[in-house]
Amino acid sequence: MKLAFSTLGVPGLPLPDVLRLATTHGYHGVELRAHPEEPVHPGLGPAERADVAAEFKGSGVEILGLAGYARVAAPGDDEPVLAEIRSLIDLARDLGAPYIRVFPGGDLDVQTPEEADATAARRLGTAAEYANDLGVRILLETHDSHRTAADAMRVLGLVGHRQVGALWDVMHTWLGGEQPSESYAALSPHLGYVQVKDIASAEDTTPLPLGAGVLPLAECVEVLSRHGWDGWLCWEYEKRWYESAAELPELLGPGREHLSRLLTESA
């Protein structure tokens, strides 16, 4: 398995510094948070996009994916959501990124679960054709209204398109009561990559160094290894939302060592 980290952990950090952290600490790739407050986002022009792609190529670090914020199950008109997804797909194509991340984002106060599922599936099915033409895969993250693998699979089963898959956020499936073996069994036919992290408890989701909290990271890695899965593990350290959390750069080295140890133990 290859290791990456998300720029959510180093909000606003210039790309040369992000790449320096990746190469210094032995990470193979970076998940880029695609938001206007970050260096990389859909508002970049062609020359800026070419510069970003060249910086990554020159460093030997891969762009794992673009973490976007389109909410595919949200109530409302389809077109604004589809336009947001298309802009992410365009950016991913220009940067050479294989994946974009979208959220479910359903509002179960005003939708039934069936309505949320159908809305997400309709939009993802439409966007899948555009993604297919550009060689980019859309990944639905286990998150918010669809936090478990079983939730996500209700949508992915309706879509049934190879360009739409799953991003397994191990915190959300755990918070939803799933065991890693259950989550993997459901998501494995569609799995793009896996986001790892650690937290103190279900009530306190402030990010912690990997291995310092309660999330079943060893079990997740063991399940992946046992089934021969050879994709990406991406550390999503949510510093952007928790100002009191420790700074990520000082944790990147020990974090890579912890993941490497888990991989060795599960081999």
C-alpha atoms as a PDB file:
ATOM      1  CA  MET A   1       0.000   0.000   0.000  1.00  0.00           C
ATOM      2  CA  LYS A   2       1.084   3.574  -0.684  1.00  0.00           C
ATOM      3  CA  LEU A   3       0.870   6.369   1.880  1.00  0.00           C
ATOM      4  CA  ALA A   4      -0.443   9.905   1.476  1.00  0.00           C
ATOM      5  CA  PHE A   5      -1.626  12.778   3.628  1.00  0.00           C
ATOM      6  CA  SER A   6      -4.308  15.393   3.100  1.00  0.00           C
ATOM      7  CA  THR A   7      -3.613  19.124   2.927  1.00  0.00           C
ATOM      8  CA  LEU A   8      -6.570  19.538   5.295  1.00  0.00           C
ATOM      9  CA  GLY A   9      -3.897  19.043   7.960  1.00  0.00           C
ATOM     10  CA  VAL A  10      -1.789  21.975   6.745  1.00  0.00           C
ATOM     11  CA  PRO A  11      -4.433  24.524   5.696  1.00  0.00           C
ATOM     12  CA  GLY A  12      -3.237  27.150   3.241  1.00  0.00           C
ATOM     13  CA  LEU A  13       0.338  25.844   3.115  1.00  0.00           C
ATOM     14  CA  PRO A  14       2.097  26.720  -0.178  1.00  0.00           C
ATOM     15  CA  LEU A  15       2.642  23.773  -2.488  1.00  0.00           C
ATOM     16  CA  PRO A  16       6.451  23.783  -2.330  1.00  0.00           C
ATOM     17  CA  ASP A  17       6.193  23.343   1.446  1.00  0.00           C
ATOM     18  CA  VAL A  18       3.595  20.579   1.076  1.00  0.00           C
ATOM     19  CA  LEU A  19       5.868  18.726  -1.333  1.00  0.00           C
ATOM     20  CA  ARG A  20       8.871  19.214   0.944  1.00  0.00           C
ATOM     21  CA  LEU A  21       6.929  17.640   3.825  1.00  0.00           C
ATOM     22  CA  ALA A  22       5.907  14.697   1.655  1.00  0.00           C
ATOM     23  CA  THR A  23       9.410  13.958   0.399  1.00  0.00           C
ATOM     24  CA  THR A  24      11.077  14.560   3.767  1.00  0.00           C
ATOM     25  CA  HIS A  25       8.786  12.162   5.596  1.00  0.00           C
ATOM     26  CA  GLY A  26       8.477   9.475   2.947  1.00  0.00           C
ATOM     27  CA  TYR A  27       4.910   9.895   1.732  1.00  0.00           C
ATOM     28  CA  HIS A  28       4.162   8.772  -1.806  1.00  0.00           C
ATOM     29  CA  GLY A  29       1.286  11.158  -2.447  1.00  0.00           C
ATOM     30  CA  VAL A  30      -0.895  14.041  -1.298  1.00  0.00           C
ATOM     31  CA  GLU A  31      -4.657  14.496  -1.264  1.00  0.00           C
ATOM     32  CA  LEU A  32      -5.325  18.126  -2.165  1.00  0.00           C
ATOM     33  CA  ARG A  33      -8.181  19.943  -0.455  1.00  0.00           C
ATOM     34  CA  ALA A  34      -9.824  21.696  -3.420  1.00  0.00           C
ATOM     35  CA  HIS A  35     -11.164  24.853  -1.804  1.00  0.00           C
ATOM     36  CA  PRO A  36     -10.697  28.565  -2.658  1.00  0.00           C
ATOM     37  CA  GLU A  37      -8.741  29.147   0.562  1.00  0.00           C
ATOM     38  CA  GLU A  38      -6.157  26.586  -0.609  1.00  0.00           C
ATOM     39  CA  PRO A  39      -3.454  26.918  -3.302  1.00  0.00           C
ATOM     40  CA  VAL A  40      -5.246  24.426  -5.585  1.00  0.00           C
ATOM     41  CA  HIS A  41      -8.925  24.863  -6.455  1.00  0.00           C
ATOM     42  CA  PRO A  42     -11.183  24.931  -9.533  1.00  0.00           C
ATOM     43  CA  GLY A  43     -10.649  28.684  -9.988  1.00  0.00           C
ATOM     44  CA  LEU A  44      -7.072  28.195 -11.209  1.00  0.00           C
ATOM     45  CA  GLY A  45      -6.349  29.134 -14.814  1.00  0.00           C
ATOM     46  CA  PRO A  46      -4.654  26.876 -17.391  1.00  0.00           C
ATOM     47  CA  ALA A  47      -1.132  28.158 -16.727  1.00  0.00           C
ATOM     48  CA  GLU A  48      -1.513  27.771 -12.973  1.00  0.00           C
ATOM     49  CA  ARG A  49      -2.797  24.238 -13.419  1.00  0.00           C
ATOM     50  CA  ALA A  50       0.172  23.376 -15.615  1.00  0.00           C
ATOM     51  CA  ASP A  51       2.532  24.779 -12.973  1.00  0.00           C
ATOM     52  CA  VAL A  52       0.942  22.643 -10.229  1.00  0.00           C
ATOM     53  CA  ALA A  53       1.189  19.501 -12.352  1.00  0.00           C
ATOM     54  CA  ALA A  54       4.831  20.266 -13.116  1.00  0.00           C
ATOM     55  CA  GLU A  55       5.665  20.860  -9.442  1.00  0.00           C
ATOM     56  CA  PHE A  56       4.281  17.480  -8.472  1.00  0.00           C
ATOM     57  CA  LYS A  57       5.951  15.692 -11.363  1.00  0.00           C
ATOM     58  CA  GLY A  58       9.284  17.261 -10.527  1.00  0.00           C
ATOM     59  CA  SER A  59       9.027  16.215  -6.891  1.00  0.00           C
ATOM     60  CA  GLY A  60       8.122  12.598  -7.572  1.00  0.00           C
ATOM     61  CA  VAL A  61       5.053  12.979  -5.332  1.00  0.00           C
ATOM     62  CA  GLU A  62       1.675  11.887  -6.730  1.00  0.00           C
ATOM     63  CA  ILE A  63      -1.582  13.788  -6.491  1.00  0.00           C
ATOM     64  CA  LEU A  64      -3.826  11.133  -4.992  1.00  0.00           C
ATOM     65  CA  GLY A  65      -7.037  13.047  -5.471  1.00  0.00           C
ATOM     66  CA  LEU A  66      -8.950  16.274  -5.046  1.00  0.00           C
ATOM     67  CA  ALA A  67     -11.091  16.537  -1.940  1.00  0.00           C
ATOM     68  CA  GLY A  68     -14.082  18.525  -3.103  1.00  0.00           C
ATOM     69  CA  TYR A  69     -17.228  19.588  -1.270  1.00  0.00           C
ATOM     70  CA  ALA A  70     -20.055  18.821  -3.692  1.00  0.00           C
ATOM     71  CA  ARG A  71     -22.987  17.287  -1.777  1.00  0.00           C
ATOM     72  CA  VAL A  72     -24.628  14.851  -4.107  1.00  0.00           C
ATOM     73  CA  ALA A  73     -27.654  13.931  -1.972  1.00  0.00           C
ATOM     74  CA  ALA A  74     -28.501  17.481  -0.886  1.00  0.00           C
ATOM     75  CA  PRO A  75     -32.005  18.810  -1.588  1.00  0.00           C
ATOM     76  CA  GLY A  76     -32.389  21.269  -4.446  1.00  0.00           C
ATOM     77  CA  ASP A  77     -31.693  21.540  -8.157  1.00  0.00           C
ATOM     78  CA  ASP A  78     -29.277  19.130  -9.773  1.00  0.00           C
ATOM     79  CA  GLU A  79     -27.429  21.540 -12.052  1.00  0.00           C
ATOM     80  CA  PRO A  80     -25.435  23.521  -9.440  1.00  0.00           C
ATOM     81  CA  VAL A  81     -24.214  20.258  -7.927  1.00  0.00           C
ATOM     82  CA  LEU A  82     -23.361  18.800 -11.325  1.00  0.00           C
ATOM     83  CA  ALA A  83     -21.525  21.988 -12.304  1.00  0.00           C
ATOM     84  CA  GLU A  84     -19.443  21.766  -9.116  1.00  0.00           C
ATOM     85  CA  ILE A  85     -18.590  18.134  -9.837  1.00  0.00           C
ATOM     86  CA  ARG A  86     -17.663  18.904 -13.447  1.00  0.00           C
ATOM     87  CA  SER A  87     -15.332  21.692 -12.315  1.00  0.00           C
ATOM     88  CA  LEU A  88     -13.564  19.248  -9.994  1.00  0.00           C
ATOM     89  CA  ILE A  89     -13.297  16.645 -12.753  1.00  0.00           C
ATOM     90  CA  ASP A  90     -11.813  19.235 -15.118  1.00  0.00           C
ATOM     91  CA  LEU A  91      -9.239  20.230 -12.513  1.00  0.00           C
ATOM     92  CA  ALA A  92      -8.350  16.606 -11.759  1.00  0.00           C
ATOM     93  CA  ARG A  93      -7.872  15.907 -15.469  1.00  0.00           C
ATOM     94  CA  ASP A  94      -5.578  18.924 -15.843  1.00  0.00           C
ATOM     95  CA  LEU A  95      -3.494  17.947 -12.802  1.00  0.00           C
ATOM     96  CA  GLY A  96      -3.338  14.238 -13.569  1.00  0.00           C
ATOM     97  CA  ALA A  97      -5.271  13.264 -10.425  1.00  0.00           C
ATOM     98  CA  PRO A  98      -7.156   9.954 -10.681  1.00  0.00           C
ATOM     99  CA  TYR A  99      -9.911  10.759  -8.160  1.00  0.00           C
ATOM    100  CA  ILE A 100     -12.226  13.469  -6.884  1.00  0.00           C
ATOM    101  CA  ARG A 101     -14.018  13.221  -3.546  1.00  0.00           C
ATOM    102  CA  VAL A 102     -17.681  14.163  -3.068  1.00  0.00           C
ATOM    103  CA  PHE A 103     -19.832  14.115   0.054  1.00  0.00           C
ATOM    104  CA  PRO A 104     -23.324  12.634   0.392  1.00  0.00           C
ATOM    105  CA  GLY A 105     -24.711  15.708   2.185  1.00  0.00           C
ATOM    106  CA  GLY A 106     -28.314  14.563   2.450  1.00  0.00           C
ATOM    107  CA  ASP A 107     -30.688  16.402   4.769  1.00  0.00           C
ATOM    108  CA  LEU A 108     -32.807  13.759   6.451  1.00  0.00           C
ATOM    109  CA  ASP A 109     -34.892  16.431   8.154  1.00  0.00           C
ATOM    110  CA  VAL A 110     -36.504  17.200   4.802  1.00  0.00           C
ATOM    111  CA  GLN A 111     -35.759  14.032   2.792  1.00  0.00           C
ATOM    112  CA  THR A 112     -36.529  10.404   3.371  1.00  0.00           C
ATOM    113  CA  PRO A 113     -33.472   8.136   3.116  1.00  0.00           C
ATOM    114  CA  GLU A 114     -34.882   6.806  -0.148  1.00  0.00           C
ATOM    115  CA  GLU A 115     -35.164  10.328  -1.569  1.00  0.00           C
ATOM    116  CA  ALA A 116     -31.597  11.139  -0.532  1.00  0.00           C
ATOM    117  CA  ASP A 117     -30.311   7.911  -2.078  1.00  0.00           C
ATOM    118  CA  ALA A 118     -32.168   8.516  -5.334  1.00  0.00           C
ATOM    119  CA  THR A 119     -30.967  12.120  -5.589  1.00  0.00           C
ATOM    120  CA  ALA A 120     -27.336  11.117  -5.045  1.00  0.00           C
ATOM    121  CA  ALA A 121     -27.558   8.234  -7.492  1.00  0.00           C
ATOM    122  CA  ARG A 122     -29.157  10.377 -10.200  1.00  0.00           C
ATOM    123  CA  ARG A 123     -26.466  13.053  -9.970  1.00  0.00           C
ATOM    124  CA  LEU A 124     -23.597  10.584  -9.739  1.00  0.00           C
ATOM    125  CA  GLY A 125     -24.929   8.635 -12.701  1.00  0.00           C
ATOM    126  CA  THR A 126     -25.087  11.795 -14.783  1.00  0.00           C
ATOM    127  CA  ALA A 127     -21.625  12.959 -13.701  1.00  0.00           C
ATOM    128  CA  ALA A 128     -20.154   9.503 -14.333  1.00  0.00           C
ATOM    129  CA  GLU A 129     -20.402   9.902 -18.100  1.00  0.00           C
ATOM    130  CA  TYR A 130     -18.459  13.177 -17.968  1.00  0.00           C
ATOM    131  CA  ALA A 131     -15.892  11.624 -15.633  1.00  0.00           C
ATOM    132  CA  ASN A 132     -15.507   8.640 -17.937  1.00  0.00           C
ATOM    133  CA  ASP A 133     -14.678  10.855 -20.902  1.00  0.00           C
ATOM    134  CA  LEU A 134     -11.960  12.634 -18.892  1.00  0.00           C
ATOM    135  CA  GLY A 135     -10.514   9.555 -17.196  1.00  0.00           C
ATOM    136  CA  VAL A 136     -11.337  10.626 -13.630  1.00  0.00           C
ATOM    137  CA  ARG A 137     -13.149   8.574 -10.982  1.00  0.00           C
ATOM    138  CA  ILE A 138     -15.710  10.086  -8.579  1.00  0.00           C
ATOM    139  CA  LEU A 139     -15.526   8.738  -5.030  1.00  0.00           C
ATOM    140  CA  LEU A 140     -18.424   9.028  -2.594  1.00  0.00           C
ATOM    141  CA  GLU A 141     -17.033   9.369   0.919  1.00  0.00           C
ATOM    142  CA  THR A 142     -18.567   7.557   3.884  1.00  0.00           C
ATOM    143  CA  HIS A 143     -19.644  10.751   5.640  1.00  0.00           C
ATOM    144  CA  ASP A 144     -22.541  12.748   7.148  1.00  0.00           C
ATOM    145  CA  SER A 145     -25.927  11.385   5.972  1.00  0.00           C
ATOM    146  CA  HIS A 146     -24.299   8.211   4.583  1.00  0.00           C
ATOM    147  CA  ARG A 147     -21.547   7.541   7.076  1.00  0.00           C
ATOM    148  CA  THR A 148     -21.481   3.739   6.939  1.00  0.00           C
ATOM    149  CA  ALA A 149     -20.439   1.494   4.091  1.00  0.00           C
ATOM    150  CA  ALA A 150     -23.953   0.071   4.044  1.00  0.00           C
ATOM    151  CA  ASP A 151     -25.324   3.612   3.571  1.00  0.00           C
ATOM    152  CA  ALA A 152     -22.901   4.378   0.747  1.00  0.00           C
ATOM    153  CA  MET A 153     -23.649   1.083  -0.967  1.00  0.00           C
ATOM    154  CA  ARG A 154     -27.345   1.914  -1.210  1.00  0.00           C
ATOM    155  CA  VAL A 155     -26.304   4.768  -3.505  1.00  0.00           C
ATOM    156  CA  LEU A 156     -23.489   3.017  -5.375  1.00  0.00           C
ATOM    157  CA  GLY A 157     -25.733   0.052  -6.054  1.00  0.00           C
ATOM    158  CA  LEU A 158     -28.210   2.353  -7.773  1.00  0.00           C
ATOM    159  CA  VAL A 159     -25.490   4.057  -9.836  1.00  0.00           C
ATOM    160  CA  GLY A 160     -23.747   0.939 -11.119  1.00  0.00           C
ATOM    161  CA  HIS A 161     -21.032   2.784 -13.069  1.00  0.00           C
ATOM    162  CA  ARG A 162     -17.314   1.976 -12.917  1.00  0.00           C
ATOM    163  CA  GLN A 163     -16.365   5.670 -12.756  1.00  0.00           C
ATOM    164  CA  VAL A 164     -18.199   6.088  -9.437  1.00  0.00           C
ATOM    165  CA  GLY A 165     -16.674   4.439  -6.382  1.00  0.00           C
ATOM    166  CA  ALA A 166     -16.195   4.778  -2.654  1.00  0.00           C
ATOM    167  CA  LEU A 167     -13.806   6.571  -0.346  1.00  0.00           C
ATOM    168  CA  TRP A 168     -13.670   4.769   3.006  1.00  0.00           C
ATOM    169  CA  ASP A 169     -13.291   7.218   5.909  1.00  0.00           C
ATOM    170  CA  VAL A 170     -12.567   4.843   8.779  1.00  0.00           C
ATOM    171  CA  MET A 171     -13.772   7.294  11.432  1.00  0.00           C
ATOM    172  CA  HIS A 172     -17.257   7.636  10.031  1.00  0.00           C
ATOM    173  CA  THR A 173     -17.872   3.940   9.497  1.00  0.00           C
ATOM    174  CA  TRP A 174     -16.676   3.311  13.077  1.00  0.00           C
ATOM    175  CA  LEU A 175     -18.928   6.061  14.418  1.00  0.00           C
ATOM    176  CA  GLY A 176     -21.766   4.426  12.484  1.00  0.00           C
ATOM    177  CA  GLY A 177     -21.213   1.143  14.340  1.00  0.00           C
ATOM    178  CA  GLU A 178     -19.575  -0.902  11.585  1.00  0.00           C
ATOM    179  CA  GLN A 179     -16.627  -3.226  12.113  1.00  0.00           C
ATOM    180  CA  PRO A 180     -13.737  -2.823   9.616  1.00  0.00           C
ATOM    181  CA  SER A 181     -14.454  -6.259   8.155  1.00  0.00           C
ATOM    182  CA  GLU A 182     -18.060  -5.234   7.486  1.00  0.00           C
ATOM    183  CA  SER A 183     -17.059  -1.924   5.901  1.00  0.00           C
ATOM    184  CA  TYR A 184     -14.484  -3.543   3.651  1.00  0.00           C
ATOM    185  CA  ALA A 185     -16.812  -6.336   2.566  1.00  0.00           C
ATOM    186  CA  ALA A 186     -19.397  -3.792   1.444  1.00  0.00           C
ATOM    187  CA  LEU A 187     -17.037  -1.296  -0.194  1.00  0.00           C
ATOM    188  CA  SER A 188     -14.368  -3.540  -1.696  1.00  0.00           C
ATOM    189  CA  PRO A 189     -15.857  -3.808  -5.206  1.00  0.00           C
ATOM    190  CA  HIS A 190     -15.953  -0.012  -5.411  1.00  0.00           C
ATOM    191  CA  LEU A 191     -13.059   1.097  -3.200  1.00  0.00           C
ATOM    192  CA  GLY A 192     -10.901   3.962  -4.458  1.00  0.00           C
ATOM    193  CA  TYR A 193      -8.798   4.647  -1.379  1.00  0.00           C
ATOM    194  CA  VAL A 194      -8.948   4.738   2.414  1.00  0.00           C
ATOM    195  CA  GLN A 195      -8.736   7.746   4.738  1.00  0.00           C
ATOM    196  CA  VAL A 196      -7.159   6.976   8.105  1.00  0.00           C
ATOM    197  CA  LYS A 197      -7.098   9.170  11.200  1.00  0.00           C
ATOM    198  CA  ASP A 198      -7.359   8.897  14.990  1.00  0.00           C
ATOM    199  CA  ILE A 199      -9.536  10.485  17.672  1.00  0.00           C
ATOM    200  CA  ALA A 200      -9.969  10.310  21.441  1.00  0.00           C
ATOM    201  CA  SER A 201     -13.566   9.070  21.477  1.00  0.00           C
ATOM    202  CA  ALA A 202     -16.902   9.179  19.691  1.00  0.00           C
ATOM    203  CA  GLU A 203     -17.674  12.342  21.674  1.00  0.00           C
ATOM    204  CA  ASP A 204     -14.312  14.035  21.043  1.00  0.00           C
ATOM    205  CA  THR A 205     -13.230  13.885  17.388  1.00  0.00           C
ATOM    206  CA  THR A 206     -10.299  16.278  17.773  1.00  0.00           C
ATOM    207  CA  PRO A 207      -7.521  14.769  15.614  1.00  0.00           C
ATOM    208  CA  LEU A 208      -4.774  12.864  17.398  1.00  0.00           C
ATOM    209  CA  PRO A 209      -1.489  11.338  16.229  1.00  0.00           C
ATOM    210  CA  LEU A 210      -2.041   7.992  14.540  1.00  0.00           C
ATOM    211  CA  GLY A 211      -2.165   5.232  17.138  1.00  0.00           C
ATOM    212  CA  ALA A 212      -2.937   7.593  20.024  1.00  0.00           C
ATOM    213  CA  GLY A 213      -6.719   7.235  19.889  1.00  0.00           C
ATOM    214  CA  VAL A 214      -9.527   4.708  19.680  1.00  0.00           C
ATOM    215  CA  LEU A 215     -10.020   4.084  15.960  1.00  0.00           C
ATOM    216  CA  PRO A 216      -9.377   0.486  14.833  1.00  0.00           C
ATOM    217  CA  LEU A 217      -6.511   1.294  12.458  1.00  0.00           C
ATOM    218  CA  ALA A 218      -4.704  -1.997  12.997  1.00  0.00           C
ATOM    219  CA  GLU A 219      -7.872  -3.935  12.196  1.00  0.00           C
ATOM    220  CA  CYS A 220      -8.491  -1.839   9.068  1.00  0.00           C
ATOM    221  CA  VAL A 221      -4.976  -2.413   7.753  1.00  0.00           C
ATOM    222  CA  GLU A 222      -5.173  -6.117   8.610  1.00  0.00           C
ATOM    223  CA  VAL A 223      -8.441  -6.509   6.700  1.00  0.00           C
ATOM    224  CA  LEU A 224      -7.034  -4.692   3.680  1.00  0.00           C
ATOM    225  CA  SER A 225      -3.829  -6.732   3.726  1.00  0.00           C
ATOM    226  CA  ARG A 226      -5.599 -10.049   4.223  1.00  0.00           C
ATOM    227  CA  HIS A 227      -7.653  -9.424   1.107  1.00  0.00           C
ATOM    228  CA  GLY A 228      -4.664  -8.326  -0.955  1.00  0.00           C
ATOM    229  CA  TRP A 229      -5.838  -4.755  -1.382  1.00  0.00           C
ATOM    230  CA  ASP A 230      -2.931  -2.655  -2.660  1.00  0.00           C
ATOM    231  CA  GLY A 231      -4.245   0.897  -2.836  1.00  0.00           C
ATOM    232  CA  TRP A 232      -3.688   4.109  -0.915  1.00  0.00           C
ATOM    233  CA  LEU A 233      -3.909   4.936   2.780  1.00  0.00           C
ATOM    234  CA  CYS A 234      -4.368   8.690   3.191  1.00  0.00           C
ATOM    235  CA  TRP A 235      -3.983  10.371   6.579  1.00  0.00           C
ATOM    236  CA  GLU A 236      -6.717  12.985   6.888  1.00  0.00           C
ATOM    237  CA  TYR A 237      -5.703  15.080   9.892  1.00  0.00           C
ATOM    238  CA  GLU A 238      -8.521  17.603  10.321  1.00  0.00           C
ATOM    239  CA  LYS A 239      -6.444  20.506  11.606  1.00  0.00           C
ATOM    240  CA  ARG A 240      -8.523  22.980   9.570  1.00  0.00           C
ATOM    241  CA  TRP A 241     -11.508  22.399  11.876  1.00  0.00           C
ATOM    242  CA  TYR A 242      -9.643  22.011  15.193  1.00  0.00           C
ATOM    243  CA  GLU A 243      -7.311  24.919  15.888  1.00  0.00           C
ATOM    244  CA  SER A 244      -6.222  23.422  19.215  1.00  0.00           C
ATOM    245  CA  ALA A 245      -4.900  20.249  17.567  1.00  0.00           C
ATOM    246  CA  ALA A 246      -1.145  19.754  17.357  1.00  0.00           C
ATOM    247  CA  GLU A 247       0.564  20.876  14.158  1.00  0.00           C
ATOM    248  CA  LEU A 248       0.662  18.135  11.528  1.00  0.00           C
ATOM    249  CA  PRO A 249       4.221  18.622  10.188  1.00  0.00           C
ATOM    250  CA  GLU A 250       5.768  17.445  13.452  1.00  0.00           C
ATOM    251  CA  LEU A 251       3.530  14.351  13.410  1.00  0.00           C
ATOM    252  CA  LEU A 252       4.108  13.249   9.805  1.00  0.00           C
ATOM    253  CA  GLY A 253       7.256  11.240  10.493  1.00  0.00           C
ATOM    254  CA  PRO A 254       5.862   9.259  13.444  1.00  0.00           C
ATOM    255  CA  GLY A 255       2.588   8.827  11.538  1.00  0.00           C
ATOM    256  CA  ARG A 256       4.325   7.243   8.554  1.00  0.00           C
ATOM    257  CA  GLU A 257       6.293   4.995  10.908  1.00  0.00           C
ATOM    258  CA  HIS A 258       3.072   3.898  12.618  1.00  0.00           C
ATOM    259  CA  LEU A 259       1.364   3.041   9.314  1.00  0.00           C
ATOM    260  CA  SER A 260       4.484   1.262   8.062  1.00  0.00           C
ATOM    261  CA  ARG A 261       4.564  -0.801  11.266  1.00  0.00           C
ATOM    262  CA  LEU A 262       0.916  -1.771  10.865  1.00  0.00           C
ATOM    263  CA  LEU A 263       1.578  -2.796   7.282  1.00  0.00           C
ATOM    264  CA  THR A 264       4.555  -4.895   8.318  1.00  0.00           C
ATOM    265  CA  GLU A 265       2.633  -6.590  11.132  1.00  0.00           C
ATOM    266  CA  SER A 266      -0.287  -7.418   8.851  1.00  0.00           C
ATOM    267  CA  ALA A 267       1.850  -8.793   6.009  1.00  0.00           C
END
